[in-house]
Amino acid sequence: MWSFIGEKIGSFLISLGLKSLVDKCNRKKPSGLTIDELKKRTHVLFVDDEDFSTRLQSIRDAGWSVNQINDVTNFNCPEIEHANIIFMDYIGVGQALTPTDEGIGLLKEIKRRYPEKFIVFYSGYAGFIPGHEFHDIADAWIAKNSDPYVFVDLIEDAAKKIHE
């Protein structure tokens, strides 16, 4: 009965031109987790052959659980399985499993095997990545030289989406 009434009210609001209000009411409810709870539940992984420890320390200082590996040699490795958010570099990774496509190949295969993971493609080669096919696969993209707070903000937004 309540769903019937809700549908009628929704139809009435749409007829008044208030579709955005109906859309807001129908949106998935947020998980209600605090930022501290999100930080406890979220594990971030960087796949990068270059030392990224300064950025990682900034992210850790913000309270996030973060780790880095130089490359992926097994798609079922514990670091990949445990991570909720994966930052994938473009050049220098994928040597063992996707040497032809490098980071894009890893990105494709990890997303295929783990569609629930939030994958961020990042690179210092902004705009020069051949084909830009990562736009259709990755959940987000960030320049490698972005300020640490940009990484932290992206991680927070991704954690909210993951745990909704």
Protein backbone atom coordinates (compact mmCIF):
# COMPACT_ATOMS: atom_id res chain seq x y z
CA MET A 1 0.00 0.00 0.00
CA TRP A 2 2.77 2.48 0.91
CA SER A 3 4.62 1.81 -2.34
CA PHE A 4 1.39 2.53 -4.26
CA ILE A 5 1.00 5.86 -2.43
CA GLY A 6 4.67 6.67 -3.04
CA GLU A 7 4.26 6.00 -6.77
CA LYS A 8 1.19 8.27 -6.92
CA ILE A 9 2.98 11.08 -5.07
CA GLY A 10 6.00 10.66 -7.37
CA SER A 11 3.79 10.87 -10.47
CA PHE A 12 2.10 13.98 -9.06
CA LEU A 13 5.44 15.69 -8.34
CA ILE A 14 6.72 14.86 -11.83
CA SER A 15 3.57 16.38 -13.32
CA LEU A 16 4.39 19.57 -11.40
CA GLY A 17 7.88 19.62 -12.92
CA LEU A 18 9.60 18.44 -9.73
CA LYS A 19 11.34 15.39 -11.19
CA SER A 20 14.62 16.33 -9.44
CA LEU A 21 12.86 16.02 -6.07
CA VAL A 22 11.59 12.55 -7.01
CA ASP A 23 15.09 11.55 -8.13
CA LYS A 24 16.53 12.71 -4.79
CA CYS A 25 13.97 10.65 -2.89
CA ASN A 26 14.70 7.55 -4.97
CA ARG A 27 18.49 7.76 -4.58
CA LYS A 28 20.28 5.07 -2.67
CA LYS A 29 20.56 6.00 0.98
CA PRO A 30 24.10 6.72 2.18
CA SER A 31 25.67 4.10 4.37
CA GLY A 32 25.78 6.46 7.33
CA LEU A 33 29.40 5.58 8.01
CA THR A 34 31.57 8.28 9.51
CA ILE A 35 34.81 9.22 7.83
CA ASP A 36 36.72 7.38 10.58
CA GLU A 37 34.69 4.22 9.94
CA LEU A 38 35.36 4.55 6.20
CA LYS A 39 39.09 4.83 6.90
CA LYS A 40 39.00 1.63 8.97
CA ARG A 41 37.14 -0.31 6.25
CA THR A 42 39.02 0.95 3.21
CA HIS A 43 42.36 -0.34 1.94
CA VAL A 44 44.19 1.58 -0.76
CA LEU A 45 46.85 0.11 -3.04
CA PHE A 46 49.24 1.89 -5.40
CA VAL A 47 50.77 -0.12 -8.24
CA ASP A 48 53.80 1.88 -9.32
CA ASP A 49 57.39 0.99 -10.12
CA GLU A 50 58.58 4.39 -8.87
CA ASP A 51 59.00 5.30 -5.22
CA PHE A 52 55.82 7.07 -4.15
CA SER A 53 56.56 7.01 -0.41
CA THR A 54 56.25 10.78 0.16
CA ARG A 55 52.70 10.84 -1.25
CA LEU A 56 51.84 7.62 0.56
CA GLN A 57 52.97 9.11 3.85
CA SER A 58 50.67 12.10 3.32
CA ILE A 59 47.78 9.72 2.69
CA ARG A 60 48.67 7.69 5.80
CA ASP A 61 48.92 10.90 7.82
CA ALA A 62 45.34 11.60 6.75
CA GLY A 63 44.36 8.27 8.36
CA TRP A 64 44.03 5.95 5.36
CA SER A 65 45.43 2.42 5.13
CA VAL A 66 47.68 2.50 2.07
CA ASN A 67 50.28 0.22 0.53
CA GLN A 68 52.41 0.15 -2.62
CA ILE A 69 53.66 -2.67 -4.80
CA ASN A 70 56.01 -2.26 -7.76
CA ASP A 71 54.07 -4.51 -10.11
CA VAL A 72 51.42 -7.22 -10.23
CA THR A 73 52.85 -10.69 -10.84
CA ASN A 74 49.67 -12.58 -9.94
CA PHE A 75 46.10 -11.32 -10.24
CA ASN A 76 45.19 -13.22 -7.08
CA CYS A 77 47.93 -11.70 -4.94
CA PRO A 78 46.82 -10.67 -1.44
CA GLU A 79 47.50 -6.98 -2.07
CA ILE A 80 45.06 -6.89 -5.00
CA GLU A 81 42.44 -9.02 -3.27
CA HIS A 82 42.60 -6.95 -0.07
CA ALA A 83 42.46 -3.50 -1.70
CA ASN A 84 39.20 -1.61 -2.17
CA ILE A 85 40.78 1.24 -4.12
CA ILE A 86 43.64 0.64 -6.54
CA PHE A 87 45.75 3.37 -8.12
CA MET A 88 47.29 2.00 -11.31
CA ASP A 89 50.29 3.64 -12.99
CA TYR A 90 50.74 3.58 -16.77
CA ILE A 91 54.44 3.13 -17.49
CA GLY A 92 56.70 0.52 -15.87
CA VAL A 93 53.99 -1.75 -14.48
CA GLY A 94 52.46 -4.83 -16.04
CA GLN A 95 55.86 -6.17 -17.11
CA ALA A 96 55.08 -9.73 -15.98
CA LEU A 97 51.42 -10.12 -16.92
CA THR A 98 50.64 -7.54 -19.60
CA PRO A 99 53.98 -6.43 -21.10
CA THR A 100 52.44 -5.22 -24.35
CA ASP A 101 49.79 -2.98 -22.78
CA GLU A 102 51.59 -2.24 -19.49
CA GLY A 103 49.36 -0.36 -17.02
CA ILE A 104 46.34 -0.28 -19.32
CA GLY A 105 46.51 -4.07 -19.63
CA LEU A 106 46.63 -4.45 -15.86
CA LEU A 107 43.79 -2.00 -15.49
CA LYS A 108 41.59 -3.95 -17.92
CA GLU A 109 42.29 -7.33 -16.38
CA ILE A 110 41.93 -6.24 -12.75
CA LYS A 111 38.64 -4.48 -13.55
CA ARG A 112 37.40 -7.60 -15.36
CA ARG A 113 38.34 -9.89 -12.46
CA TYR A 114 37.34 -7.48 -9.67
CA PRO A 115 34.55 -5.20 -10.96
CA GLU A 116 33.67 -4.10 -7.41
CA LYS A 117 37.08 -2.46 -6.88
CA PHE A 118 37.41 1.27 -7.44
CA ILE A 119 40.33 1.69 -9.83
CA VAL A 120 42.05 5.01 -10.39
CA PHE A 121 44.36 5.32 -13.36
CA TYR A 122 47.17 7.77 -12.73
CA SER A 123 50.16 8.87 -14.70
CA GLY A 124 52.78 11.53 -15.14
CA TYR A 125 52.06 11.37 -18.88
CA ALA A 126 48.83 13.34 -18.66
CA GLY A 127 47.11 13.56 -22.01
CA PHE A 128 49.76 11.58 -23.87
CA ILE A 129 48.48 8.10 -23.15
CA PRO A 130 47.78 6.34 -26.46
CA GLY A 131 44.13 5.70 -27.18
CA HIS A 132 42.85 6.98 -23.84
CA GLU A 133 40.92 3.71 -23.55
CA PHE A 134 41.37 3.82 -19.77
CA HIS A 135 38.55 6.39 -19.62
CA ASP A 136 36.06 3.62 -20.39
CA ILE A 137 37.53 1.23 -17.82
CA ALA A 138 38.85 3.19 -14.84
CA ASP A 139 36.52 4.67 -12.25
CA ALA A 140 38.64 7.83 -12.06
CA TRP A 141 41.84 9.39 -13.37
CA ILE A 142 44.37 11.64 -11.63
CA ALA A 143 47.67 13.22 -12.62
CA LYS A 144 50.60 11.63 -10.80
CA ASN A 145 51.97 14.99 -9.74
CA SER A 146 48.71 16.14 -8.12
CA ASP A 147 48.95 17.56 -4.62
CA PRO A 148 48.54 15.03 -1.80
CA TYR A 149 45.20 16.53 -0.71
CA VAL A 150 43.79 15.77 -4.19
CA PHE A 151 44.67 12.10 -3.70
CA VAL A 152 43.14 12.14 -0.20
CA ASP A 153 39.92 13.79 -1.46
CA LEU A 154 39.64 11.23 -4.27
CA ILE A 155 40.16 8.36 -1.82
CA GLU A 156 37.47 9.74 0.49
CA ASP A 157 34.99 10.11 -2.39
CA ALA A 158 35.78 6.61 -3.65
CA ALA A 159 35.39 5.11 -0.15
CA LYS A 160 31.95 6.70 0.17
CA LYS A 161 30.90 5.17 -3.18
CA ILE A 162 32.29 1.76 -2.29
CA HIS A 163 30.61 1.54 1.09
CA GLU A 164 27.21 3.03 0.11
